[in-house]
Amino acid sequence: MKTAEFHFDLPPDRIAQTPARPRDSARLLVVEPGRLIDRRVRDLPDLLRPGDLLVFNDTRVIPALLEGRRGEAKVSFSLHRRTADDEWIAFARPAKKLKPEDRVTFGDGLEGRVVAREGGEVRLKFSVGGGALGNMLGRIGRMPLPPYIRRKEGPCDADRADYQTMFARADGAVAAPTAGLHFTPALIRALDDRKIARVTLTLHVGAGTFLPVTAEDTSEHRMHAEYGEITQEAAAAINAARARGGRIVAVGSTSLRLMESAADESGTIRPFAGETDIFITPGYRFRTAEMMLTNFHLPRSTLFMLVTAFAGLERMRGAYAHAIASGYRFYSYGDACLLSRAA
């Protein structure tokens, strides 16, 4: 398909710069065949049925923005893909003067060595790994907010909590699974009272999630890879929910992409541990979720292509037009929509 088919015009003032407070007070556009319904995220228990299963992504966003020094020169890094326990690929600025074996010093005694550089990307090997590296990043790093969230002084302290879901457990993401940002303990209690089940899987969201598709045709786009895991227990819970007639509700595109990566032709979920670069566009045959909760996405993005594949291109064009005209807030800190899968 032509990438231009996924374009739409969005007024800049529709891009949310801060989240709704409380989080579950965000607006929710329910997109059903033939109608659009304006609700709030806190209404979700009334929109689902007992026995339905919500599938959350429990990845945790790491403070991936680092300031370092190469000699006397300042260098900024944005970690975006872990390649080993003590090694990351990062965007560097400025990158041109960096070369293999260069040493970079950060705060808190952390050091890095440039293993390789290609264009604006470098492979950095740190002086520590594992939990020790994670602790240091927590002390000296800043949250990697999307480029459309503007902060004159960069990410603030509030973003450490705001850009993290309540389910965050497994360190490794450099972007939040934003549909999960809308949930609160109060909303979870209401879902529990309604007998709506939940399960978590892990997909470490990469910075590539924000990149628009620049190719003229979607068939020419190369999807970024991300690491994910579905445990045997999680797979069994999803399969059991379907077997008893419950609907599978993917909370976010990341949960949906990972389930589709792990499903066989019948839709049965298998345990999964590895990278996925699945690229979903209209015409794809979904095997897992019947419903999807997701934010409003960028034009020409792989995420907008995924939701049009799930709910139908014309239906989503209409839904987005309604959202823009009705003042919905877009992107990571914005509002959400609840989609039913097209037949």
C-alpha atoms as a PDB file:
ATOM      1  CA  MET A   1       0.000   0.000   0.000  1.00  0.00           C
ATOM      2  CA  LYS A   2       1.037   3.584  -0.559  1.00  0.00           C
ATOM      3  CA  THR A   3       2.241   5.272   2.610  1.00  0.00           C
ATOM      4  CA  ALA A   4       0.284   8.394   1.659  1.00  0.00           C
ATOM      5  CA  GLU A   5      -2.938   6.511   2.430  1.00  0.00           C
ATOM      6  CA  PHE A   6      -2.022   6.701   6.128  1.00  0.00           C
ATOM      7  CA  HIS A   7      -1.524  10.456   6.223  1.00  0.00           C
ATOM      8  CA  PHE A   8      -3.754  12.878   8.112  1.00  0.00           C
ATOM      9  CA  ASP A   9      -3.347  16.480   9.232  1.00  0.00           C
ATOM     10  CA  LEU A  10      -3.090  17.037  12.972  1.00  0.00           C
ATOM     11  CA  PRO A  11      -3.139  20.526  14.527  1.00  0.00           C
ATOM     12  CA  PRO A  12      -0.066  20.914  16.792  1.00  0.00           C
ATOM     13  CA  ASP A  13      -2.250  21.898  19.756  1.00  0.00           C
ATOM     14  CA  ARG A  14      -3.765  18.400  19.772  1.00  0.00           C
ATOM     15  CA  ILE A  15      -0.431  16.857  20.854  1.00  0.00           C
ATOM     16  CA  ALA A  16      -0.592  16.252  24.626  1.00  0.00           C
ATOM     17  CA  GLN A  17       2.364  17.556  26.614  1.00  0.00           C
ATOM     18  CA  THR A  18       1.248  16.202  29.999  1.00  0.00           C
ATOM     19  CA  PRO A  19      -1.007  13.266  30.944  1.00  0.00           C
ATOM     20  CA  ALA A  20      -4.567  13.506  32.223  1.00  0.00           C
ATOM     21  CA  ARG A  21      -4.842  13.548  36.009  1.00  0.00           C
ATOM     22  CA  PRO A  22      -5.937  11.167  37.303  1.00  0.00           C
ATOM     23  CA  ARG A  23      -4.761   8.960  34.488  1.00  0.00           C
ATOM     24  CA  ASP A  24      -8.063   7.130  34.073  1.00  0.00           C
ATOM     25  CA  SER A  25      -9.885  10.442  33.489  1.00  0.00           C
ATOM     26  CA  ALA A  26      -8.480  10.517  29.950  1.00  0.00           C
ATOM     27  CA  ARG A  27     -11.061  10.504  27.183  1.00  0.00           C
ATOM     28  CA  LEU A  28     -11.867   7.221  25.461  1.00  0.00           C
ATOM     29  CA  LEU A  29     -13.303   6.974  21.973  1.00  0.00           C
ATOM     30  CA  VAL A  30     -15.148   3.673  21.518  1.00  0.00           C
ATOM     31  CA  VAL A  31     -14.927   2.687  17.856  1.00  0.00           C
ATOM     32  CA  GLU A  32     -17.587   0.182  16.856  1.00  0.00           C
ATOM     33  CA  PRO A  33     -19.006  -0.780  13.469  1.00  0.00           C
ATOM     34  CA  GLY A  34     -21.237   2.106  12.403  1.00  0.00           C
ATOM     35  CA  ARG A  35     -20.829   4.288  15.478  1.00  0.00           C
ATOM     36  CA  LEU A  36     -18.424   6.261  17.658  1.00  0.00           C
ATOM     37  CA  ILE A  37     -19.035   6.713  21.386  1.00  0.00           C
ATOM     38  CA  ASP A  38     -17.329   9.303  23.584  1.00  0.00           C
ATOM     39  CA  ARG A  39     -16.472   7.930  27.035  1.00  0.00           C
ATOM     40  CA  ARG A  40     -13.682   8.030  29.648  1.00  0.00           C
ATOM     41  CA  VAL A  41     -11.034   5.394  30.332  1.00  0.00           C
ATOM     42  CA  ARG A  42     -12.530   4.896  33.806  1.00  0.00           C
ATOM     43  CA  ASP A  43     -15.680   3.597  32.033  1.00  0.00           C
ATOM     44  CA  LEU A  44     -13.750   0.581  30.733  1.00  0.00           C
ATOM     45  CA  PRO A  45     -15.299  -1.932  33.199  1.00  0.00           C
ATOM     46  CA  ASP A  46     -18.746  -1.123  31.761  1.00  0.00           C
ATOM     47  CA  LEU A  47     -17.493  -1.579  28.192  1.00  0.00           C
ATOM     48  CA  LEU A  48     -16.071  -5.062  28.761  1.00  0.00           C
ATOM     49  CA  ARG A  49     -17.657  -8.316  29.917  1.00  0.00           C
ATOM     50  CA  PRO A  50     -16.910 -10.703  32.791  1.00  0.00           C
ATOM     51  CA  GLY A  51     -14.453 -13.281  31.507  1.00  0.00           C
ATOM     52  CA  ASP A  52     -12.676 -10.902  29.141  1.00  0.00           C
ATOM     53  CA  LEU A  53      -8.886 -10.787  29.502  1.00  0.00           C
ATOM     54  CA  LEU A  54      -6.744  -7.628  29.381  1.00  0.00           C
ATOM     55  CA  VAL A  55      -3.170  -8.202  28.171  1.00  0.00           C
ATOM     56  CA  PHE A  56      -0.673  -5.626  29.467  1.00  0.00           C
ATOM     57  CA  ASN A  57       2.978  -4.981  28.638  1.00  0.00           C
ATOM     58  CA  ASP A  58       5.051  -4.900  31.841  1.00  0.00           C
ATOM     59  CA  THR A  59       8.225  -3.453  30.329  1.00  0.00           C
ATOM     60  CA  ARG A  60       9.873  -0.689  32.309  1.00  0.00           C
ATOM     61  CA  VAL A  61      11.275   2.446  30.669  1.00  0.00           C
ATOM     62  CA  ILE A  62      14.875   3.072  31.660  1.00  0.00           C
ATOM     63  CA  PRO A  63      16.355   6.579  32.035  1.00  0.00           C
ATOM     64  CA  ALA A  64      18.135   6.211  28.689  1.00  0.00           C
ATOM     65  CA  LEU A  65      19.359   9.773  28.069  1.00  0.00           C
ATOM     66  CA  LEU A  66      22.945  10.260  29.185  1.00  0.00           C
ATOM     67  CA  GLU A  67      25.389  13.181  29.181  1.00  0.00           C
ATOM     68  CA  GLY A  68      29.066  12.248  29.011  1.00  0.00           C
ATOM     69  CA  ARG A  69      32.513  13.582  28.212  1.00  0.00           C
ATOM     70  CA  ARG A  70      35.104  12.432  25.728  1.00  0.00           C
ATOM     71  CA  GLY A  71      38.106  14.288  27.052  1.00  0.00           C
ATOM     72  CA  GLU A  72      36.887  17.870  27.382  1.00  0.00           C
ATOM     73  CA  ALA A  73      34.115  17.515  24.813  1.00  0.00           C
ATOM     74  CA  LYS A  74      30.505  16.957  25.844  1.00  0.00           C
ATOM     75  CA  VAL A  75      28.623  14.095  24.177  1.00  0.00           C
ATOM     76  CA  SER A  76      24.938  13.182  24.526  1.00  0.00           C
ATOM     77  CA  PHE A  77      23.661   9.637  24.144  1.00  0.00           C
ATOM     78  CA  SER A  78      20.200   8.171  23.749  1.00  0.00           C
ATOM     79  CA  LEU A  79      20.299   4.427  24.432  1.00  0.00           C
ATOM     80  CA  HIS A  80      17.820   2.589  22.262  1.00  0.00           C
ATOM     81  CA  ARG A  81      18.734  -1.091  21.973  1.00  0.00           C
ATOM     82  CA  ARG A  82      20.490  -3.396  24.420  1.00  0.00           C
ATOM     83  CA  THR A  83      22.822  -5.888  22.738  1.00  0.00           C
ATOM     84  CA  ALA A  84      24.459  -7.407  25.840  1.00  0.00           C
ATOM     85  CA  ASP A  85      24.308  -7.208  29.613  1.00  0.00           C
ATOM     86  CA  ASP A  86      26.729  -4.262  29.570  1.00  0.00           C
ATOM     87  CA  GLU A  87      26.310  -3.005  26.002  1.00  0.00           C
ATOM     88  CA  TRP A  88      23.839  -0.735  24.210  1.00  0.00           C
ATOM     89  CA  ILE A  89      23.419   0.808  20.786  1.00  0.00           C
ATOM     90  CA  ALA A  90      22.820   4.538  21.155  1.00  0.00           C
ATOM     91  CA  PHE A  91      22.224   7.641  19.118  1.00  0.00           C
ATOM     92  CA  ALA A  92      25.116  10.009  19.822  1.00  0.00           C
ATOM     93  CA  ARG A  93      25.351  13.783  19.442  1.00  0.00           C
ATOM     94  CA  PRO A  94      27.770  14.824  18.111  1.00  0.00           C
ATOM     95  CA  ALA A  95      28.747  11.432  16.689  1.00  0.00           C
ATOM     96  CA  LYS A  96      31.167  12.347  13.922  1.00  0.00           C
ATOM     97  CA  LYS A  97      34.203  12.717  16.190  1.00  0.00           C
ATOM     98  CA  LEU A  98      33.625   9.446  18.021  1.00  0.00           C
ATOM     99  CA  LYS A  99      35.664   6.460  16.937  1.00  0.00           C
ATOM    100  CA  PRO A 100      36.204   2.893  18.180  1.00  0.00           C
ATOM    101  CA  GLU A 101      38.044   2.601  21.499  1.00  0.00           C
ATOM    102  CA  ASP A 102      37.165   6.163  22.532  1.00  0.00           C
ATOM    103  CA  ARG A 103      36.394   6.413  26.237  1.00  0.00           C
ATOM    104  CA  VAL A 104      33.439   8.358  27.572  1.00  0.00           C
ATOM    105  CA  THR A 105      32.974   9.273  31.223  1.00  0.00           C
ATOM    106  CA  PHE A 106      29.568   9.751  32.792  1.00  0.00           C
ATOM    107  CA  GLY A 107      28.512  10.651  36.317  1.00  0.00           C
ATOM    108  CA  ASP A 108      28.559   8.314  39.318  1.00  0.00           C
ATOM    109  CA  GLY A 109      31.776   6.636  38.150  1.00  0.00           C
ATOM    110  CA  LEU A 110      30.186   5.124  35.041  1.00  0.00           C
ATOM    111  CA  GLU A 111      32.381   4.810  31.962  1.00  0.00           C
ATOM    112  CA  GLY A 112      31.724   3.651  28.426  1.00  0.00           C
ATOM    113  CA  ARG A 113      33.887   2.494  25.532  1.00  0.00           C
ATOM    114  CA  VAL A 114      32.919   3.023  21.915  1.00  0.00           C
ATOM    115  CA  VAL A 115      32.971  -0.409  20.274  1.00  0.00           C
ATOM    116  CA  ALA A 116      31.794   0.736  16.843  1.00  0.00           C
ATOM    117  CA  ARG A 117      30.134   3.665  15.092  1.00  0.00           C
ATOM    118  CA  GLU A 118      27.912   3.821  12.038  1.00  0.00           C
ATOM    119  CA  GLY A 119      26.533   7.231  11.115  1.00  0.00           C
ATOM    120  CA  GLY A 120      24.900   8.751  14.173  1.00  0.00           C
ATOM    121  CA  GLU A 121      24.769   5.452  16.054  1.00  0.00           C
ATOM    122  CA  VAL A 122      27.428   4.002  18.343  1.00  0.00           C
ATOM    123  CA  ARG A 123      27.767   0.728  20.189  1.00  0.00           C
ATOM    124  CA  LEU A 124      28.720   1.486  23.800  1.00  0.00           C
ATOM    125  CA  LYS A 125      30.229  -1.037  26.216  1.00  0.00           C
ATOM    126  CA  PHE A 126      29.841   0.128  29.809  1.00  0.00           C
ATOM    127  CA  SER A 127      32.168  -0.450  32.741  1.00  0.00           C
ATOM    128  CA  VAL A 128      29.384  -2.315  34.590  1.00  0.00           C
ATOM    129  CA  GLY A 129      26.397  -4.385  33.502  1.00  0.00           C
ATOM    130  CA  GLY A 130      23.173  -5.908  34.732  1.00  0.00           C
ATOM    131  CA  GLY A 131      21.586  -4.504  37.851  1.00  0.00           C
ATOM    132  CA  ALA A 132      24.586  -2.294  38.623  1.00  0.00           C
ATOM    133  CA  LEU A 133      24.212  -0.553  35.278  1.00  0.00           C
ATOM    134  CA  GLY A 134      20.476  -0.219  35.789  1.00  0.00           C
ATOM    135  CA  ASN A 135      21.018   1.407  39.184  1.00  0.00           C
ATOM    136  CA  MET A 136      23.520   3.872  37.742  1.00  0.00           C
ATOM    137  CA  LEU A 137      21.208   4.804  34.877  1.00  0.00           C
ATOM    138  CA  GLY A 138      18.481   5.402  37.447  1.00  0.00           C
ATOM    139  CA  ARG A 139      20.715   7.910  39.225  1.00  0.00           C
ATOM    140  CA  ILE A 140      22.266   9.791  36.317  1.00  0.00           C
ATOM    141  CA  GLY A 141      20.003   9.210  33.312  1.00  0.00           C
ATOM    142  CA  ARG A 142      16.898  11.078  32.194  1.00  0.00           C
ATOM    143  CA  MET A 143      13.667   9.674  30.801  1.00  0.00           C
ATOM    144  CA  PRO A 144      13.636   9.364  26.993  1.00  0.00           C
ATOM    145  CA  LEU A 145      10.495  11.308  26.154  1.00  0.00           C
ATOM    146  CA  PRO A 146       9.210  11.192  22.573  1.00  0.00           C
ATOM    147  CA  PRO A 147      10.401  14.065  20.353  1.00  0.00           C
ATOM    148  CA  TYR A 148       6.917  15.596  20.170  1.00  0.00           C
ATOM    149  CA  ILE A 149       6.762  16.184  23.952  1.00  0.00           C
ATOM    150  CA  ARG A 150       8.505  19.529  24.321  1.00  0.00           C
ATOM    151  CA  ARG A 151      10.483  20.408  27.437  1.00  0.00           C
ATOM    152  CA  LYS A 152      12.726  23.470  27.201  1.00  0.00           C
ATOM    153  CA  GLU A 153      14.984  22.022  29.885  1.00  0.00           C
ATOM    154  CA  GLY A 154      14.477  18.398  28.874  1.00  0.00           C
ATOM    155  CA  PRO A 155      12.509  15.704  30.739  1.00  0.00           C
ATOM    156  CA  CYS A 156      11.509  16.788  34.256  1.00  0.00           C
ATOM    157  CA  ASP A 157      11.253  14.861  37.514  1.00  0.00           C
ATOM    158  CA  ALA A 158       7.505  14.356  37.046  1.00  0.00           C
ATOM    159  CA  ASP A 159       8.157  12.457  33.820  1.00  0.00           C
ATOM    160  CA  ARG A 160       9.884   9.668  35.775  1.00  0.00           C
ATOM    161  CA  ALA A 161       6.473   8.688  37.138  1.00  0.00           C
ATOM    162  CA  ASP A 162       4.247   9.978  34.345  1.00  0.00           C
ATOM    163  CA  TYR A 163       6.089   8.082  31.593  1.00  0.00           C
ATOM    164  CA  GLN A 164       5.885   4.736  33.384  1.00  0.00           C
ATOM    165  CA  THR A 165       2.913   2.390  33.655  1.00  0.00           C
ATOM    166  CA  MET A 166       1.748   0.946  36.961  1.00  0.00           C
ATOM    167  CA  PHE A 167       2.665  -2.506  35.601  1.00  0.00           C
ATOM    168  CA  ALA A 168       6.313  -1.632  34.833  1.00  0.00           C
ATOM    169  CA  ARG A 169       8.563  -4.442  36.053  1.00  0.00           C
ATOM    170  CA  ALA A 170      11.170  -5.544  33.496  1.00  0.00           C
ATOM    171  CA  ASP A 171      13.846  -2.937  32.680  1.00  0.00           C
ATOM    172  CA  GLY A 172      14.622  -2.506  29.012  1.00  0.00           C
ATOM    173  CA  ALA A 173      12.267  -0.129  27.159  1.00  0.00           C
ATOM    174  CA  VAL A 174      13.249   3.298  25.872  1.00  0.00           C
ATOM    175  CA  ALA A 175       9.632   4.210  25.121  1.00  0.00           C
ATOM    176  CA  ALA A 176       6.542   3.563  27.202  1.00  0.00           C
ATOM    177  CA  PRO A 177       3.747   1.169  26.188  1.00  0.00           C
ATOM    178  CA  THR A 178       1.468   4.176  26.300  1.00  0.00           C
ATOM    179  CA  ALA A 179      -1.958   2.505  26.431  1.00  0.00           C
ATOM    180  CA  GLY A 180      -0.992   1.203  29.865  1.00  0.00           C
ATOM    181  CA  LEU A 181      -0.367   4.738  31.148  1.00  0.00           C
ATOM    182  CA  HIS A 182      -4.120   5.250  31.596  1.00  0.00           C
ATOM    183  CA  PHE A 183      -4.560   2.629  34.310  1.00  0.00           C
ATOM    184  CA  THR A 184      -4.801   3.362  38.024  1.00  0.00           C
ATOM    185  CA  PRO A 185      -5.250   1.174  41.109  1.00  0.00           C
ATOM    186  CA  ALA A 186      -8.867   2.348  41.309  1.00  0.00           C
ATOM    187  CA  LEU A 187      -9.550   1.278  37.730  1.00  0.00           C
ATOM    188  CA  ILE A 188      -7.913  -2.103  38.317  1.00  0.00           C
ATOM    189  CA  ARG A 189     -10.113  -2.651  41.389  1.00  0.00           C
ATOM    190  CA  ALA A 190     -13.201  -1.836  39.316  1.00  0.00           C
ATOM    191  CA  LEU A 191     -12.091  -4.304  36.627  1.00  0.00           C
ATOM    192  CA  ASP A 192     -11.508  -6.959  39.289  1.00  0.00           C
ATOM    193  CA  ASP A 193     -15.007  -6.377  40.689  1.00  0.00           C
ATOM    194  CA  ARG A 194     -16.366  -6.865  37.176  1.00  0.00           C
ATOM    195  CA  LYS A 195     -14.472 -10.216  36.928  1.00  0.00           C
ATOM    196  CA  ILE A 196     -12.335  -8.981  34.051  1.00  0.00           C
ATOM    197  CA  ALA A 197      -9.024 -10.819  34.165  1.00  0.00           C
ATOM    198  CA  ARG A 198      -5.548  -9.574  33.257  1.00  0.00           C
ATOM    199  CA  VAL A 199      -2.158 -10.956  32.360  1.00  0.00           C
ATOM    200  CA  THR A 200       1.201  -9.409  31.477  1.00  0.00           C
ATOM    201  CA  LEU A 201       3.813 -10.061  28.833  1.00  0.00           C
ATOM    202  CA  THR A 202       7.010  -8.138  28.077  1.00  0.00           C
ATOM    203  CA  LEU A 203       8.023  -6.256  24.940  1.00  0.00           C
ATOM    204  CA  HIS A 204      10.879  -3.787  25.322  1.00  0.00           C
ATOM    205  CA  VAL A 205       9.718  -0.873  23.216  1.00  0.00           C
ATOM    206  CA  GLY A 206      12.453   0.714  21.102  1.00  0.00           C
ATOM    207  CA  ALA A 207      12.931   4.251  19.804  1.00  0.00           C
ATOM    208  CA  GLY A 208      11.957   3.042  16.327  1.00  0.00           C
ATOM    209  CA  THR A 209       8.327   3.101  17.445  1.00  0.00           C
ATOM    210  CA  PHE A 210       8.296   6.893  16.822  1.00  0.00           C
ATOM    211  CA  LEU A 211       9.748   6.787  13.315  1.00  0.00           C
ATOM    212  CA  PRO A 212       7.408   7.623  10.434  1.00  0.00           C
ATOM    213  CA  VAL A 213       7.520   5.373   7.414  1.00  0.00           C
ATOM    214  CA  THR A 214       9.508   7.272   4.784  1.00  0.00           C
ATOM    215  CA  ALA A 215       9.232   4.710   1.982  1.00  0.00           C
ATOM    216  CA  GLU A 216       6.596   5.486  -0.644  1.00  0.00           C
ATOM    217  CA  ASP A 217       5.189   1.981  -0.343  1.00  0.00           C
ATOM    218  CA  THR A 218       4.754   0.028   2.907  1.00  0.00           C
ATOM    219  CA  SER A 219       6.328  -3.048   1.293  1.00  0.00           C
ATOM    220  CA  GLU A 220       9.647  -1.173   1.205  1.00  0.00           C
ATOM    221  CA  HIS A 221       9.715  -0.363   4.938  1.00  0.00           C
ATOM    222  CA  ARG A 222      12.098  -2.229   7.220  1.00  0.00           C
ATOM    223  CA  MET A 223      10.595  -2.727  10.675  1.00  0.00           C
ATOM    224  CA  HIS A 224      12.765  -2.265  13.762  1.00  0.00           C
ATOM    225  CA  ALA A 225      13.250  -5.335  15.982  1.00  0.00           C
ATOM    226  CA  GLU A 226      12.292  -5.444  19.663  1.00  0.00           C
ATOM    227  CA  TYR A 227      12.866  -8.100  22.316  1.00  0.00           C
ATOM    228  CA  GLY A 228       9.861  -9.746  23.923  1.00  0.00           C
ATOM    229  CA  GLU A 229       8.867 -12.553  26.269  1.00  0.00           C
ATOM    230  CA  ILE A 230       5.656 -14.460  26.927  1.00  0.00           C
ATOM    231  CA  THR A 231       5.947 -16.946  29.764  1.00  0.00           C
ATOM    232  CA  GLN A 232       4.319 -20.358  29.701  1.00  0.00           C
ATOM    233  CA  GLU A 233       1.947 -19.164  32.448  1.00  0.00           C
ATOM    234  CA  ALA A 234       0.914 -16.083  30.471  1.00  0.00           C
ATOM    235  CA  ALA A 235       0.388 -18.092  27.282  1.00  0.00           C
ATOM    236  CA  ALA A 236      -1.762 -20.590  29.185  1.00  0.00           C
ATOM    237  CA  ALA A 237      -3.882 -17.797  30.699  1.00  0.00           C
ATOM    238  CA  ILE A 238      -4.557 -16.236  27.290  1.00  0.00           C
ATOM    239  CA  ASN A 239      -5.436 -19.578  25.717  1.00  0.00           C
ATOM    240  CA  ALA A 240      -7.690 -20.503  28.643  1.00  0.00           C
ATOM    241  CA  ALA A 241      -9.572 -17.199  28.443  1.00  0.00           C
ATOM    242  CA  ARG A 242     -10.297 -17.778  24.758  1.00  0.00           C
ATOM    243  CA  ALA A 243     -11.339 -21.389  25.401  1.00  0.00           C
ATOM    244  CA  ARG A 244     -13.950 -20.291  27.928  1.00  0.00           C
ATOM    245  CA  GLY A 245     -15.369 -17.648  25.582  1.00  0.00           C
ATOM    246  CA  GLY A 246     -13.677 -14.535  26.929  1.00  0.00           C
ATOM    247  CA  ARG A 247     -12.463 -11.826  24.598  1.00  0.00           C
ATOM    248  CA  ILE A 248      -8.754 -11.032  24.458  1.00  0.00           C
ATOM    249  CA  VAL A 249      -8.202  -7.271  24.831  1.00  0.00           C
ATOM    250  CA  ALA A 250      -4.722  -6.101  23.860  1.00  0.00           C
ATOM    251  CA  VAL A 251      -3.669  -3.088  25.899  1.00  0.00           C
ATOM    252  CA  GLY A 252      -1.552  -1.327  23.309  1.00  0.00           C
ATOM    253  CA  SER A 253       0.066  -2.151  20.002  1.00  0.00           C
ATOM    254  CA  THR A 254       3.062  -3.736  21.728  1.00  0.00           C
ATOM    255  CA  SER A 255       0.956  -6.388  23.455  1.00  0.00           C
ATOM    256  CA  LEU A 256      -0.856  -7.109  20.214  1.00  0.00           C
ATOM    257  CA  ARG A 257       2.328  -7.355  18.121  1.00  0.00           C
ATOM    258  CA  LEU A 258       3.932  -9.775  20.565  1.00  0.00           C
ATOM    259  CA  MET A 259       0.866 -12.004  20.790  1.00  0.00           C
ATOM    260  CA  GLU A 260       0.674 -12.155  17.002  1.00  0.00           C
ATOM    261  CA  SER A 261       4.371 -13.050  16.892  1.00  0.00           C
ATOM    262  CA  ALA A 262       3.810 -15.921  19.307  1.00  0.00           C
ATOM    263  CA  ALA A 263       0.559 -17.326  17.877  1.00  0.00           C
ATOM    264  CA  ASP A 264       0.215 -20.328  15.609  1.00  0.00           C
ATOM    265  CA  GLU A 265      -2.259 -20.464  12.724  1.00  0.00           C
ATOM    266  CA  SER A 266      -5.120 -21.395  15.042  1.00  0.00           C
ATOM    267  CA  GLY A 267      -4.456 -18.432  17.322  1.00  0.00           C
ATOM    268  CA  THR A 268      -2.985 -20.514  20.134  1.00  0.00           C
ATOM    269  CA  ILE A 269      -0.288 -18.553  21.976  1.00  0.00           C
ATOM    270  CA  ARG A 270       3.055 -20.282  22.513  1.00  0.00           C
ATOM    271  CA  PRO A 271       5.702 -19.253  25.056  1.00  0.00           C
ATOM    272  CA  PHE A 272       8.049 -16.788  23.370  1.00  0.00           C
ATOM    273  CA  ALA A 273      11.478 -15.295  24.077  1.00  0.00           C
ATOM    274  CA  GLY A 274      13.288 -13.445  21.327  1.00  0.00           C
ATOM    275  CA  GLU A 275      13.118 -10.547  18.923  1.00  0.00           C
ATOM    276  CA  THR A 276      10.154  -9.663  16.762  1.00  0.00           C
ATOM    277  CA  ASP A 277      10.037  -7.317  13.801  1.00  0.00           C
ATOM    278  CA  ILE A 278       6.475  -8.081  12.753  1.00  0.00           C
ATOM    279  CA  PHE A 279       5.040  -5.286  10.581  1.00  0.00           C
ATOM    280  CA  ILE A 280       1.246  -5.260  10.447  1.00  0.00           C
ATOM    281  CA  THR A 281      -0.609  -3.416   7.673  1.00  0.00           C
ATOM    282  CA  PRO A 282      -4.139  -3.699   6.228  1.00  0.00           C
ATOM    283  CA  GLY A 283      -4.761  -7.160   4.849  1.00  0.00           C
ATOM    284  CA  TYR A 284      -3.099  -8.892   7.792  1.00  0.00           C
ATOM    285  CA  ARG A 285      -5.188 -11.700   9.329  1.00  0.00           C
ATOM    286  CA  PHE A 286      -5.240 -11.330  13.119  1.00  0.00           C
ATOM    287  CA  ARG A 287      -5.265 -14.529  15.165  1.00  0.00           C
ATOM    288  CA  THR A 288      -5.333 -13.334  18.771  1.00  0.00           C
ATOM    289  CA  ALA A 289      -7.098 -10.259  20.191  1.00  0.00           C
ATOM    290  CA  GLU A 290     -10.734  -9.388  19.546  1.00  0.00           C
ATOM    291  CA  MET A 291     -10.374  -5.893  21.000  1.00  0.00           C
ATOM    292  CA  MET A 292      -7.618  -3.332  21.453  1.00  0.00           C
ATOM    293  CA  LEU A 293      -7.094  -0.316  23.705  1.00  0.00           C
ATOM    294  CA  THR A 294      -4.618   2.116  22.189  1.00  0.00           C
ATOM    295  CA  ASN A 295      -3.648   5.786  22.044  1.00  0.00           C
ATOM    296  CA  PHE A 296      -3.967   8.031  18.995  1.00  0.00           C
ATOM    297  CA  HIS A 297      -0.893   7.643  16.794  1.00  0.00           C
ATOM    298  CA  LEU A 298       1.268   9.608  14.395  1.00  0.00           C
ATOM    299  CA  PRO A 299       0.345   9.910  10.720  1.00  0.00           C
ATOM    300  CA  ARG A 300       2.284   7.559   8.425  1.00  0.00           C
ATOM    301  CA  SER A 301       3.515   5.582  11.441  1.00  0.00           C
ATOM    302  CA  THR A 302       3.647   1.796  11.750  1.00  0.00           C
ATOM    303  CA  LEU A 303       1.311   2.146  14.749  1.00  0.00           C
ATOM    304  CA  PHE A 304      -1.403   3.907  12.750  1.00  0.00           C
ATOM    305  CA  MET A 305      -1.001   1.266  10.054  1.00  0.00           C
ATOM    306  CA  LEU A 306      -1.503  -1.443  12.684  1.00  0.00           C
ATOM    307  CA  VAL A 307      -4.745   0.055  14.035  1.00  0.00           C
ATOM    308  CA  THR A 308      -6.139   0.476  10.533  1.00  0.00           C
ATOM    309  CA  ALA A 309      -5.318  -3.174   9.880  1.00  0.00           C
ATOM    310  CA  PHE A 310      -7.124  -4.117  13.089  1.00  0.00           C
ATOM    311  CA  ALA A 311     -10.266  -1.994  12.832  1.00  0.00           C
ATOM    312  CA  GLY A 312     -10.398  -1.011   9.147  1.00  0.00           C
ATOM    313  CA  LEU A 313      -8.806   1.891   7.284  1.00  0.00           C
ATOM    314  CA  GLU A 314     -11.980   3.862   6.560  1.00  0.00           C
ATOM    315  CA  ARG A 315     -13.329   3.301  10.065  1.00  0.00           C
ATOM    316  CA  MET A 316     -10.115   4.624  11.613  1.00  0.00           C
ATOM    317  CA  ARG A 317      -9.953   7.587   9.250  1.00  0.00           C
ATOM    318  CA  GLY A 318     -13.420   8.511  10.454  1.00  0.00           C
ATOM    319  CA  ALA A 319     -12.521   7.919  14.096  1.00  0.00           C
ATOM    320  CA  TYR A 320      -9.411  10.105  13.871  1.00  0.00           C
ATOM    321  CA  ALA A 321     -11.335  12.864  12.092  1.00  0.00           C
ATOM    322  CA  HIS A 322     -13.914  12.777  14.905  1.00  0.00           C
ATOM    323  CA  ALA A 323     -11.175  12.812  17.549  1.00  0.00           C
ATOM    324  CA  ILE A 324      -9.443  15.816  15.998  1.00  0.00           C
ATOM    325  CA  ALA A 325     -12.698  17.762  15.603  1.00  0.00           C
ATOM    326  CA  SER A 326     -13.765  16.887  19.174  1.00  0.00           C
ATOM    327  CA  GLY A 327     -10.537  17.988  20.846  1.00  0.00           C
ATOM    328  CA  TYR A 328      -9.100  14.602  21.792  1.00  0.00           C
ATOM    329  CA  ARG A 329      -5.455  14.706  22.866  1.00  0.00           C
ATOM    330  CA  PHE A 330      -2.982  12.715  20.773  1.00  0.00           C
ATOM    331  CA  TYR A 331       0.140  10.594  21.222  1.00  0.00           C
ATOM    332  CA  SER A 332       1.928   9.272  24.311  1.00  0.00           C
ATOM    333  CA  TYR A 333       0.377  11.509  26.976  1.00  0.00           C
ATOM    334  CA  GLY A 334      -2.940  11.764  25.136  1.00  0.00           C
ATOM    335  CA  ASP A 335      -6.313  10.062  25.131  1.00  0.00           C
ATOM    336  CA  ALA A 336      -7.240   6.542  24.012  1.00  0.00           C
ATOM    337  CA  CYS A 337      -9.590   4.582  21.804  1.00  0.00           C
ATOM    338  CA  LEU A 338     -11.171   1.156  22.258  1.00  0.00           C
ATOM    339  CA  LEU A 339     -11.315  -0.789  19.018  1.00  0.00           C
ATOM    340  CA  SER A 340     -13.248  -3.866  17.959  1.00  0.00           C
ATOM    341  CA  ARG A 341     -11.540  -6.035  15.395  1.00  0.00           C
ATOM    342  CA  ALA A 342     -12.917  -5.791  11.883  1.00  0.00           C
ATOM    343  CA  ALA A 343     -14.348  -9.006  10.494  1.00  0.00           C
END
